[in-house]
């Protein structure tokens, strides 16, 4: 397992781990947002705003679809490892690297 630290703001870091051809990282979800979008980094996690409400697993399904679309991978490659009932989730995406996750973040801070 190789650990990759992705710098975003000067004082914060996005924690991305690479293992067995997958990237594992934390996501902080804000359901019922005005649109689906990346909102930067929050406490070491990728912050994602989703239109879907946090009922009947809709926000989780929307998160999987959103991340798969952003990274151009099939939805089956995206898996929620933990936190399916929490705003902070641990995500594993098969077939992507830490650099691809880093590329999701804005370049200017």
C-alpha atoms as a PDB file:
ATOM      1  CA  UNK A   1       0.000   0.000   0.000  1.00  0.00           C
ATOM      2  CA  UNK A   2       1.375   3.395  -1.012  1.00  0.00           C
ATOM      3  CA  UNK A   3       0.165   6.569   0.694  1.00  0.00           C
ATOM      4  CA  UNK A   4      -0.098   9.752  -1.358  1.00  0.00           C
ATOM      5  CA  UNK A   5      -0.620  13.141   0.268  1.00  0.00           C
ATOM      6  CA  UNK A   6      -2.326  15.609  -2.021  1.00  0.00           C
ATOM      7  CA  UNK A   7      -1.817  19.247  -1.120  1.00  0.00           C
ATOM      8  CA  UNK A   8      -4.775  21.609  -1.528  1.00  0.00           C
ATOM      9  CA  UNK A   9      -4.702  24.646   0.734  1.00  0.00           C
ATOM     10  CA  UNK A  10      -1.516  25.601   2.509  1.00  0.00           C
ATOM     11  CA  UNK A  11      -2.608  24.168   5.871  1.00  0.00           C
ATOM     12  CA  UNK A  12      -4.745  21.197   4.774  1.00  0.00           C
ATOM     13  CA  UNK A  13      -4.105  17.924   2.993  1.00  0.00           C
ATOM     14  CA  UNK A  14      -6.273  15.431   1.154  1.00  0.00           C
ATOM     15  CA  UNK A  15      -5.438  11.909   2.295  1.00  0.00           C
ATOM     16  CA  UNK A  16      -5.421   9.467  -0.640  1.00  0.00           C
ATOM     17  CA  UNK A  17      -4.134   5.903  -0.290  1.00  0.00           C
ATOM     18  CA  UNK A  18      -3.360   3.672  -3.247  1.00  0.00           C
ATOM     19  CA  UNK A  19      -3.706  -0.095  -2.873  1.00  0.00           C
ATOM     20  CA  UNK A  20      -4.233  -3.001  -5.275  1.00  0.00           C
ATOM     21  CA  UNK A  21      -4.991  -0.746  -8.247  1.00  0.00           C
ATOM     22  CA  UNK A  22      -7.480   1.386  -6.313  1.00  0.00           C
ATOM     23  CA  UNK A  23      -7.538   4.802  -4.683  1.00  0.00           C
ATOM     24  CA  UNK A  24      -9.053   5.073  -1.192  1.00  0.00           C
ATOM     25  CA  UNK A  25     -10.007   8.462   0.231  1.00  0.00           C
ATOM     26  CA  UNK A  26     -12.574  10.271   2.372  1.00  0.00           C
ATOM     27  CA  UNK A  27     -15.466  12.311   1.044  1.00  0.00           C
ATOM     28  CA  UNK A  28     -17.559  14.820   2.976  1.00  0.00           C
ATOM     29  CA  UNK A  29     -21.047  14.988   1.439  1.00  0.00           C
ATOM     30  CA  UNK A  30     -23.465  17.902   1.591  1.00  0.00           C
ATOM     31  CA  UNK A  31     -26.886  16.625   0.447  1.00  0.00           C
ATOM     32  CA  UNK A  32     -29.708  18.827  -0.917  1.00  0.00           C
ATOM     33  CA  UNK A  33     -27.320  21.314  -2.544  1.00  0.00           C
ATOM     34  CA  UNK A  34     -28.366  23.512  -5.455  1.00  0.00           C
ATOM     35  CA  UNK A  35     -26.217  21.471  -7.867  1.00  0.00           C
ATOM     36  CA  UNK A  36     -23.807  18.527  -7.961  1.00  0.00           C
ATOM     37  CA  UNK A  37     -20.270  19.871  -7.606  1.00  0.00           C
ATOM     38  CA  UNK A  38     -16.877  19.527  -5.967  1.00  0.00           C
ATOM     39  CA  UNK A  39     -16.404  22.085  -3.209  1.00  0.00           C
ATOM     40  CA  UNK A  40     -12.719  21.601  -2.402  1.00  0.00           C
ATOM     41  CA  UNK A  41     -11.260  19.927   0.661  1.00  0.00           C
ATOM     42  CA  UNK A  42     -12.498  19.716   4.255  1.00  0.00           C
ATOM     43  CA  UNK A  43     -10.510  18.138   7.104  1.00  0.00           C
ATOM     44  CA  UNK A  44      -8.593  15.804   4.805  1.00  0.00           C
ATOM     45  CA  UNK A  45     -11.667  14.797   2.789  1.00  0.00           C
ATOM     46  CA  UNK A  46     -12.898  15.748  -0.675  1.00  0.00           C
ATOM     47  CA  UNK A  47     -16.023  17.892  -0.194  1.00  0.00           C
ATOM     48  CA  UNK A  48     -18.874  17.088  -2.574  1.00  0.00           C
ATOM     49  CA  UNK A  49     -22.215  18.881  -2.831  1.00  0.00           C
ATOM     50  CA  UNK A  50     -25.110  16.786  -4.164  1.00  0.00           C
ATOM     51  CA  UNK A  51     -28.666  17.684  -5.124  1.00  0.00           C
ATOM     52  CA  UNK A  52     -29.975  14.343  -3.878  1.00  0.00           C
ATOM     53  CA  UNK A  53     -31.473  14.184  -0.370  1.00  0.00           C
ATOM     54  CA  UNK A  54     -30.026  11.893   2.282  1.00  0.00           C
ATOM     55  CA  UNK A  55     -33.044   9.566   2.282  1.00  0.00           C
ATOM     56  CA  UNK A  56     -33.502   6.047   0.922  1.00  0.00           C
ATOM     57  CA  UNK A  57     -29.819   5.850  -0.105  1.00  0.00           C
ATOM     58  CA  UNK A  58     -30.330   8.485  -2.824  1.00  0.00           C
ATOM     59  CA  UNK A  59     -27.345  10.642  -1.791  1.00  0.00           C
ATOM     60  CA  UNK A  60     -25.065   7.576  -1.768  1.00  0.00           C
ATOM     61  CA  UNK A  61     -26.254   6.527  -5.225  1.00  0.00           C
ATOM     62  CA  UNK A  62     -25.793  10.089  -6.501  1.00  0.00           C
ATOM     63  CA  UNK A  63     -22.282  10.230  -5.004  1.00  0.00           C
ATOM     64  CA  UNK A  64     -21.265   6.987  -6.725  1.00  0.00           C
ATOM     65  CA  UNK A  65     -22.654   8.196 -10.047  1.00  0.00           C
ATOM     66  CA  UNK A  66     -21.040  11.656  -9.684  1.00  0.00           C
ATOM     67  CA  UNK A  67     -17.574  10.292  -8.849  1.00  0.00           C
ATOM     68  CA  UNK A  68     -17.761   7.684 -11.632  1.00  0.00           C
ATOM     69  CA  UNK A  69     -18.684  10.381 -14.131  1.00  0.00           C
ATOM     70  CA  UNK A  70     -15.902  12.735 -12.965  1.00  0.00           C
ATOM     71  CA  UNK A  71     -13.253  10.021 -13.174  1.00  0.00           C
ATOM     72  CA  UNK A  72     -14.672   8.393 -16.327  1.00  0.00           C
ATOM     73  CA  UNK A  73     -14.970   4.985 -14.673  1.00  0.00           C
ATOM     74  CA  UNK A  74     -17.930   2.616 -14.449  1.00  0.00           C
ATOM     75  CA  UNK A  75     -20.209   3.003 -11.429  1.00  0.00           C
ATOM     76  CA  UNK A  76     -19.287  -0.564 -10.460  1.00  0.00           C
ATOM     77  CA  UNK A  77     -15.688   0.601  -9.836  1.00  0.00           C
ATOM     78  CA  UNK A  78     -16.834   3.033  -7.096  1.00  0.00           C
ATOM     79  CA  UNK A  79     -17.551   1.575  -3.666  1.00  0.00           C
ATOM     80  CA  UNK A  80     -18.468   3.095  -0.306  1.00  0.00           C
ATOM     81  CA  UNK A  81     -16.270   1.293   2.229  1.00  0.00           C
ATOM     82  CA  UNK A  82     -17.703   2.970   5.330  1.00  0.00           C
ATOM     83  CA  UNK A  83     -19.979   5.797   6.369  1.00  0.00           C
ATOM     84  CA  UNK A  84     -22.988   4.969   4.214  1.00  0.00           C
ATOM     85  CA  UNK A  85     -25.213   6.616   6.857  1.00  0.00           C
ATOM     86  CA  UNK A  86     -22.795   9.460   7.618  1.00  0.00           C
ATOM     87  CA  UNK A  87     -21.827  12.670   5.820  1.00  0.00           C
ATOM     88  CA  UNK A  88     -18.179  11.556   5.927  1.00  0.00           C
ATOM     89  CA  UNK A  89     -17.592   8.444   3.828  1.00  0.00           C
ATOM     90  CA  UNK A  90     -14.573   6.322   2.938  1.00  0.00           C
ATOM     91  CA  UNK A  91     -14.561   5.664  -0.817  1.00  0.00           C
ATOM     92  CA  UNK A  92     -12.634   3.138  -2.902  1.00  0.00           C
ATOM     93  CA  UNK A  93     -12.402   3.553  -6.671  1.00  0.00           C
ATOM     94  CA  UNK A  94     -10.828   0.735  -8.642  1.00  0.00           C
ATOM     95  CA  UNK A  95      -8.658   1.673 -11.610  1.00  0.00           C
ATOM     96  CA  UNK A  96      -7.736   5.222 -10.586  1.00  0.00           C
ATOM     97  CA  UNK A  97      -4.613   6.730  -9.011  1.00  0.00           C
ATOM     98  CA  UNK A  98      -3.966   9.321  -6.339  1.00  0.00           C
ATOM     99  CA  UNK A  99      -2.914  11.729  -9.087  1.00  0.00           C
ATOM    100  CA  UNK A 100      -6.334  11.399 -10.719  1.00  0.00           C
ATOM    101  CA  UNK A 101      -8.002  12.230  -7.403  1.00  0.00           C
ATOM    102  CA  UNK A 102      -5.635  15.191  -6.994  1.00  0.00           C
ATOM    103  CA  UNK A 103      -6.613  16.433 -10.453  1.00  0.00           C
ATOM    104  CA  UNK A 104     -10.216  16.821  -9.221  1.00  0.00           C
ATOM    105  CA  UNK A 105      -9.195  19.606  -6.851  1.00  0.00           C
ATOM    106  CA  UNK A 106      -8.857  23.201  -8.088  1.00  0.00           C
ATOM    107  CA  UNK A 107      -5.266  24.234  -8.788  1.00  0.00           C
ATOM    108  CA  UNK A 108      -5.536  27.699  -7.209  1.00  0.00           C
ATOM    109  CA  UNK A 109      -6.084  28.076  -3.470  1.00  0.00           C
END
